[in-house]
Amino acid sequence: MRLIQYRAQDGQRHVGLVDADGDHARPLKGVATVYKLSQQALAQRISLADLAARLAEPEQVDYAALLREGRVLAPLDHPDVARFLITGTGLSHIGSASARNKMHTLTHGSGAPESDSMKIFRMGLEGGKPASGEIGVVPEWFYKGTGACVVPPGGDLPLPGFALSGAEEPEIVGLYIIDDAGAPCRIGFALGNEFSDHTVEAMNYLYTGLSKLRDCSMGPELLTGQLPAEVRGMSRVIRGGKTLWEDEFLSGESNMSHSIANLEHHHFKYGIFRRPGDLHAHYFGAAVMSYAAGIRTEPGDEFEISAAAFGKPLRNRMVPGDASHPILVRTL
């Protein structure tokens, strides 16, 4: 089952259940946000999918038109953006090391010493999928921001004036709510573009956290239930209406060096991430990216990320952000 959040012509918010044709959706009665839907599911002790099916109206809305008109929202948000935490893990896919190593070679040359990234990647291969009930190796982790950094499907991704580059990272995002007892509950999954500055990252991998502090996008659809073991998708960079670069990306646990459960454990083991009522979006890592293929993206380029399991593709355009200037701090 796949859900969307959107605005009607009158500006009112709705949650829609995507129909089998993929071009239409049925609004859910009495529910304006996935956050409220999730709270109702917790209170009634039923699955999100069962509750959505029960509330789905017979009428249809034109989902394809909603996308064209820019009325589809990110698949999850919180009324207080500070209580929606955006984080992620890297080097979590079998192809991750190849992409990171290409970045390393592009920046430091083919004879450069092995990076710490490769060491962390091998740790994941050896211990990232522990047996049930056991804890695996710690993955690479990063903080991206709050809900304020989430751009809706079709929205613009600003390239900060201080950035050395900006490019896509096609990923799957886990979406979570913390229940009243402080336990994390998975709402579902979405496609994500974990927009990053790979030039800064490749300069020194201690800068990885800095390369992530910028906007991102996710959606347009939220997939409920379990993530398929294998997800095949395409990532494209489009310039002037023509495909500049494209590559297939593989995700799902059969293509990952860490299990989803291990990534989730090492995020939610910290008590600060288990505050009742908070939402979390956790990016699970990318295996391919245009930057690693030597593509230098420019403002005006469009990123398109698609996978059949997630319905409609996620599209965003990169635009110039605010100019960079010294930030002056005054004494009170």
Protein backbone atom coordinates (compact mmCIF):
# COMPACT_ATOMS: atom_id res chain seq x y z
CA MET A 1 0.00 0.00 0.00
CA ARG A 2 1.22 3.50 -0.89
CA LEU A 3 0.08 6.82 0.58
CA ILE A 4 0.53 10.47 -0.38
CA GLN A 5 -0.01 13.82 1.32
CA TYR A 6 -1.43 16.63 -0.80
CA ARG A 7 -3.32 19.91 -0.83
CA ALA A 8 -6.70 20.29 -2.51
CA GLN A 9 -7.57 23.32 -4.62
CA ASP A 10 -8.90 25.09 -1.51
CA GLY A 11 -5.56 24.60 0.27
CA GLN A 12 -6.86 21.95 2.69
CA ARG A 13 -4.52 19.05 3.43
CA HIS A 14 -5.40 15.42 2.78
CA VAL A 15 -3.90 11.95 2.89
CA GLY A 16 -4.55 9.80 -0.18
CA LEU A 17 -4.39 6.05 -0.79
CA VAL A 18 -2.81 5.50 -4.22
CA ASP A 19 -4.94 3.34 -6.51
CA ALA A 20 -3.68 0.39 -8.52
CA ASP A 21 -3.42 2.47 -11.71
CA GLY A 22 -0.86 4.73 -10.01
CA ASP A 23 -2.49 7.87 -11.42
CA HIS A 24 -5.34 8.29 -8.94
CA ALA A 25 -5.76 8.28 -5.18
CA ARG A 26 -8.63 8.07 -2.72
CA PRO A 27 -8.70 10.55 0.16
CA LEU A 28 -8.83 9.20 3.71
CA LYS A 29 -11.87 10.37 5.66
CA GLY A 30 -11.15 12.70 8.56
CA VAL A 31 -7.36 12.52 8.32
CA ALA A 32 -5.29 15.48 7.09
CA THR A 33 -1.74 14.18 7.74
CA VAL A 34 0.16 10.90 7.90
CA TYR A 35 1.33 12.01 11.35
CA LYS A 36 -2.27 12.02 12.61
CA LEU A 37 -2.99 8.76 10.80
CA SER A 38 -0.01 7.17 12.56
CA GLN A 39 -1.18 8.45 15.94
CA GLN A 40 -4.64 6.96 15.31
CA ALA A 41 -3.12 3.62 14.31
CA LEU A 42 -1.09 3.57 17.53
CA ALA A 43 -4.13 4.48 19.65
CA GLN A 44 -6.33 1.85 17.98
CA ARG A 45 -3.53 -0.78 17.97
CA ILE A 46 -3.96 -1.59 14.28
CA SER A 47 -1.61 -1.38 11.33
CA LEU A 48 -1.31 1.80 9.32
CA ALA A 49 -2.36 -0.09 6.17
CA ASP A 50 -5.51 -1.50 7.80
CA LEU A 51 -6.52 1.91 9.11
CA ALA A 52 -5.89 3.59 5.74
CA ALA A 53 -7.95 0.96 3.93
CA ARG A 54 -10.79 1.45 6.40
CA LEU A 55 -10.80 5.26 5.95
CA ALA A 56 -10.41 5.37 2.15
CA GLU A 57 -13.28 7.19 0.43
CA PRO A 58 -14.80 5.78 -2.79
CA GLU A 59 -14.15 9.00 -4.74
CA GLN A 60 -10.91 9.46 -6.68
CA VAL A 61 -8.59 12.42 -7.04
CA ASP A 62 -6.27 12.89 -10.02
CA TYR A 63 -2.90 12.14 -8.46
CA ALA A 64 -1.00 12.74 -11.71
CA ALA A 65 -2.55 16.22 -11.90
CA LEU A 66 -1.61 16.92 -8.28
CA LEU A 67 2.02 16.25 -9.16
CA ARG A 68 1.89 18.46 -12.25
CA GLU A 69 0.36 21.28 -10.21
CA GLY A 70 2.90 21.01 -7.38
CA ARG A 71 0.30 20.09 -4.76
CA VAL A 72 1.91 16.86 -3.51
CA LEU A 73 3.73 17.26 -0.19
CA ALA A 74 6.51 15.23 1.37
CA PRO A 75 5.01 11.91 2.56
CA LEU A 76 5.60 12.73 6.24
CA ASP A 77 5.94 15.91 8.28
CA HIS A 78 5.44 17.19 11.83
CA PRO A 79 3.50 20.32 12.84
CA ASP A 80 6.70 21.39 14.66
CA VAL A 81 9.56 21.01 12.15
CA ALA A 82 12.09 20.83 15.01
CA ARG A 83 10.51 17.52 16.08
CA PHE A 84 11.15 15.86 12.71
CA LEU A 85 14.79 14.70 12.71
CA ILE A 86 16.53 13.92 9.40
CA THR A 87 19.52 11.56 9.64
CA GLY A 88 21.15 8.76 7.70
CA THR A 89 23.81 6.12 7.34
CA GLY A 90 26.46 5.71 4.66
CA LEU A 91 28.55 2.83 3.30
CA SER A 92 25.56 0.57 3.90
CA HIS A 93 25.27 -0.99 0.42
CA ILE A 94 27.42 -3.47 -1.41
CA GLY A 95 28.00 -0.83 -4.10
CA SER A 96 28.71 1.97 -1.61
CA ALA A 97 32.45 1.38 -1.46
CA SER A 98 32.78 1.56 -5.23
CA ALA A 99 31.09 4.97 -5.37
CA ARG A 100 33.06 6.33 -2.39
CA ASN A 101 36.34 4.95 -3.79
CA LYS A 102 35.70 6.65 -7.15
CA MET A 103 35.19 9.94 -5.28
CA HIS A 104 38.43 9.30 -3.39
CA THR A 105 40.37 8.60 -6.61
CA LEU A 106 38.92 11.63 -8.41
CA THR A 107 40.13 13.88 -5.59
CA HIS A 108 43.36 12.26 -4.39
CA GLY A 109 44.57 10.20 -7.37
CA SER A 110 44.80 6.46 -8.02
CA GLY A 111 47.85 6.03 -5.79
CA ALA A 112 46.28 7.53 -2.67
CA PRO A 113 46.36 5.47 0.55
CA GLU A 114 43.25 3.52 1.45
CA SER A 115 40.62 5.71 3.04
CA ASP A 116 38.95 5.12 6.38
CA SER A 117 35.72 4.76 4.36
CA MET A 118 36.96 1.48 2.91
CA LYS A 119 37.81 0.22 6.38
CA ILE A 120 34.31 1.06 7.65
CA PHE A 121 32.79 -0.57 4.56
CA ARG A 122 34.63 -3.84 5.21
CA MET A 123 33.49 -3.74 8.82
CA GLY A 124 29.91 -3.60 7.54
CA LEU A 125 30.42 -6.53 5.18
CA GLU A 126 31.79 -8.62 8.03
CA GLY A 127 29.38 -7.63 10.80
CA GLY A 128 26.53 -5.52 9.46
CA LYS A 129 23.96 -8.31 9.32
CA PRO A 130 23.95 -9.97 12.76
CA ALA A 131 21.81 -12.93 13.67
CA SER A 132 18.35 -12.21 15.05
CA GLY A 133 18.59 -10.84 18.58
CA GLU A 134 22.23 -9.81 18.20
CA ILE A 135 23.79 -6.39 17.60
CA GLY A 136 25.97 -5.80 14.56
CA VAL A 137 28.81 -3.40 13.80
CA VAL A 138 28.21 0.36 14.03
CA PRO A 139 27.59 2.00 10.61
CA GLU A 140 28.70 5.43 9.41
CA TRP A 141 26.06 7.90 10.68
CA PHE A 142 25.23 11.53 9.85
CA TYR A 143 22.79 14.29 10.83
CA LYS A 144 21.12 16.22 8.04
CA GLY A 145 18.76 18.60 9.81
CA THR A 146 15.17 18.98 10.94
CA GLY A 147 11.96 18.91 8.94
CA ALA A 148 12.82 22.43 7.79
CA CYS A 149 15.35 20.96 5.34
CA VAL A 150 12.85 18.67 3.58
CA VAL A 151 11.86 19.89 0.10
CA PRO A 152 8.59 18.49 -1.32
CA PRO A 153 8.51 16.34 -4.47
CA GLY A 154 8.93 18.64 -7.44
CA GLY A 155 10.43 21.36 -5.23
CA ASP A 156 13.75 23.13 -5.75
CA LEU A 157 16.94 22.03 -4.01
CA PRO A 158 19.03 25.15 -3.33
CA LEU A 159 22.78 24.91 -3.81
CA PRO A 160 24.30 26.88 -0.91
CA GLY A 161 26.59 29.72 -1.87
CA PHE A 162 29.39 28.18 0.20
CA ALA A 163 29.04 24.74 -1.44
CA LEU A 164 31.81 23.39 -3.67
CA SER A 165 29.34 21.10 -5.46
CA GLY A 166 25.88 19.62 -5.12
CA ALA A 167 24.54 16.34 -6.43
CA GLU A 168 21.96 13.66 -5.87
CA GLU A 169 22.12 10.51 -3.77
CA PRO A 170 19.30 8.07 -4.63
CA GLU A 171 18.28 6.35 -1.42
CA ILE A 172 15.48 4.67 0.45
CA VAL A 173 14.30 6.50 3.56
CA GLY A 174 12.85 4.87 6.65
CA LEU A 175 10.06 6.93 8.27
CA TYR A 176 9.31 6.58 12.00
CA ILE A 177 7.17 7.85 14.87
CA ILE A 178 8.03 7.50 18.56
CA ASP A 179 5.07 6.21 20.56
CA ASP A 180 3.94 7.41 23.99
CA ALA A 181 6.15 4.85 25.71
CA GLY A 182 9.26 6.03 23.85
CA ALA A 183 9.42 3.09 21.43
CA PRO A 184 10.22 3.73 17.74
CA CYS A 185 7.58 2.52 15.26
CA ARG A 186 8.22 2.34 11.54
CA ILE A 187 5.55 4.11 9.50
CA GLY A 188 6.99 3.01 6.15
CA PHE A 189 9.53 3.82 3.48
CA ALA A 190 9.97 6.40 0.73
CA LEU A 191 12.35 7.23 -2.08
CA GLY A 192 14.80 9.94 -1.13
CA ASN A 193 17.31 12.32 -2.64
CA GLU A 194 19.96 12.85 0.03
CA PHE A 195 21.44 15.91 -1.69
CA SER A 196 25.11 16.38 -0.68
CA ASP A 197 28.39 18.21 -1.39
CA HIS A 198 30.64 15.39 -2.55
CA THR A 199 33.62 17.65 -3.25
CA VAL A 200 33.82 18.67 0.41
CA GLU A 201 33.26 15.07 1.49
CA ALA A 202 36.07 13.73 -0.69
CA MET A 203 38.56 16.36 0.53
CA ASN A 204 38.60 14.70 3.94
CA TYR A 205 36.04 12.18 5.21
CA LEU A 206 35.96 13.98 8.55
CA TYR A 207 34.02 16.57 6.51
CA THR A 208 31.28 14.06 5.64
CA GLY A 209 28.97 15.48 8.29
CA LEU A 210 29.39 18.99 6.88
CA SER A 211 28.64 17.80 3.34
CA LYS A 212 25.22 16.61 4.50
CA LEU A 213 23.96 19.80 6.16
CA ARG A 214 21.64 21.02 3.43
CA ASP A 215 18.21 20.39 1.98
CA CYS A 216 16.95 17.01 0.80
CA SER A 217 13.77 15.54 -0.62
CA MET A 218 11.67 12.41 -0.27
CA GLY A 219 8.55 10.85 -1.73
CA PRO A 220 6.23 11.40 -3.40
CA GLU A 221 4.78 8.14 -2.01
CA LEU A 222 5.04 6.35 1.32
CA LEU A 223 5.25 2.55 1.09
CA THR A 224 3.71 0.81 4.11
CA GLY A 225 4.70 -2.63 5.41
CA GLN A 226 8.02 -4.34 4.80
CA LEU A 227 10.66 -3.17 2.35
CA PRO A 228 11.15 -5.63 -0.55
CA ALA A 229 14.39 -7.61 -0.21
CA GLU A 230 15.48 -6.22 -3.57
CA VAL A 231 14.66 -2.77 -4.91
CA ARG A 232 15.78 -1.81 -8.40
CA GLY A 233 15.58 1.78 -9.50
CA MET A 234 17.04 4.40 -11.81
CA SER A 235 18.77 7.67 -11.01
CA ARG A 236 19.00 10.36 -13.68
CA VAL A 237 20.43 13.83 -14.11
CA ILE A 238 18.52 15.80 -16.74
CA ARG A 239 19.90 18.99 -18.30
CA GLY A 240 18.00 21.05 -20.81
CA GLY A 241 15.36 18.34 -21.17
CA LYS A 242 17.91 15.64 -22.07
CA THR A 243 19.38 12.89 -19.90
CA LEU A 244 22.95 13.85 -19.04
CA TRP A 245 23.63 10.76 -16.90
CA GLU A 246 21.74 7.74 -15.65
CA ASP A 247 22.49 4.56 -13.76
CA GLU A 248 20.60 1.74 -12.09
CA PHE A 249 20.70 1.60 -8.31
CA LEU A 250 20.12 -1.52 -6.23
CA SER A 251 18.81 -1.42 -2.70
CA GLY A 252 16.87 -3.60 -0.29
CA GLU A 253 18.62 -5.90 2.18
CA SER A 254 19.83 -8.35 -0.49
CA ASN A 255 21.98 -5.50 -1.85
CA MET A 256 23.02 -4.04 1.50
CA SER A 257 26.00 -4.67 3.76
CA HIS A 258 23.88 -3.84 6.82
CA SER A 259 20.44 -5.10 7.74
CA ILE A 260 17.68 -2.54 8.17
CA ALA A 261 17.32 -3.71 11.79
CA ASN A 262 21.01 -3.02 12.47
CA LEU A 263 20.80 0.49 11.01
CA GLU A 264 17.67 1.17 13.04
CA HIS A 265 19.19 -0.14 16.26
CA HIS A 266 22.29 2.03 15.99
CA HIS A 267 20.15 5.12 15.46
CA PHE A 268 17.46 4.57 18.06
CA LYS A 269 19.81 3.22 20.75
CA TYR A 270 20.36 6.87 21.71
CA GLY A 271 17.71 8.04 24.14
CA ILE A 272 17.55 11.51 22.58
CA PHE A 273 16.06 9.86 19.49
CA ARG A 274 13.23 8.20 21.41
CA ARG A 275 11.24 11.22 22.56
CA PRO A 276 7.48 10.48 22.44
CA GLY A 277 5.73 12.21 19.55
CA ASP A 278 8.85 12.88 17.49
CA LEU A 279 9.21 11.84 13.85
CA HIS A 280 12.36 10.56 12.15
CA ALA A 281 13.45 10.17 8.53
CA HIS A 282 16.55 8.01 8.18
CA TYR A 283 18.33 7.71 4.83
CA PHE A 284 19.74 4.21 4.30
CA GLY A 285 22.61 5.10 1.95
CA ALA A 286 23.34 5.21 -1.77
CA ALA A 287 25.20 2.82 -4.05
CA VAL A 288 25.51 5.07 -7.15
CA MET A 289 25.79 8.80 -7.77
CA SER A 290 26.58 11.02 -10.74
CA TYR A 291 29.50 12.69 -8.95
CA ALA A 292 31.37 9.38 -8.74
CA ALA A 293 30.93 9.07 -12.53
CA GLY A 294 32.68 12.40 -13.05
CA ILE A 295 29.52 14.44 -13.68
CA ARG A 296 29.60 18.04 -12.47
CA THR A 297 26.01 19.12 -11.89
CA GLU A 298 24.88 22.72 -12.40
CA PRO A 299 21.98 24.89 -11.22
CA GLY A 300 19.04 24.09 -13.46
CA ASP A 301 19.79 20.36 -13.57
CA GLU A 302 16.90 18.10 -12.62
CA PHE A 303 17.33 14.94 -10.53
CA GLU A 304 14.95 12.04 -11.12
CA ILE A 305 14.90 8.98 -8.86
CA SER A 306 12.49 6.14 -9.58
CA ALA A 307 11.74 2.57 -8.45
CA ALA A 308 8.66 0.55 -9.39
CA ALA A 309 7.98 -0.42 -5.76
CA PHE A 310 7.51 3.26 -4.86
CA GLY A 311 5.19 4.40 -7.64
CA LYS A 312 5.82 7.81 -9.17
CA PRO A 313 9.40 9.11 -9.44
CA LEU A 314 10.89 11.74 -7.18
CA ARG A 315 11.93 14.82 -9.17
CA ASN A 316 13.73 17.94 -7.95
CA ARG A 317 15.63 20.74 -9.64
CA MET A 318 18.85 22.24 -8.29
CA VAL A 319 18.79 26.04 -8.11
CA PRO A 320 21.26 28.65 -6.85
CA GLY A 321 21.00 29.28 -3.13
CA ASP A 322 21.82 32.40 -1.16
CA ALA A 323 25.24 33.95 -1.75
CA SER A 324 27.92 33.11 0.79
CA HIS A 325 29.11 35.85 3.15
CA PRO A 326 30.68 36.00 6.61
CA ILE A 327 28.24 35.30 9.44
CA LEU A 328 28.86 37.93 12.09
CA VAL A 329 28.02 37.19 15.71
CA ARG A 330 27.24 40.14 17.99
CA THR A 331 27.70 40.30 21.71
CA LEU A 332 24.60 40.88 23.81
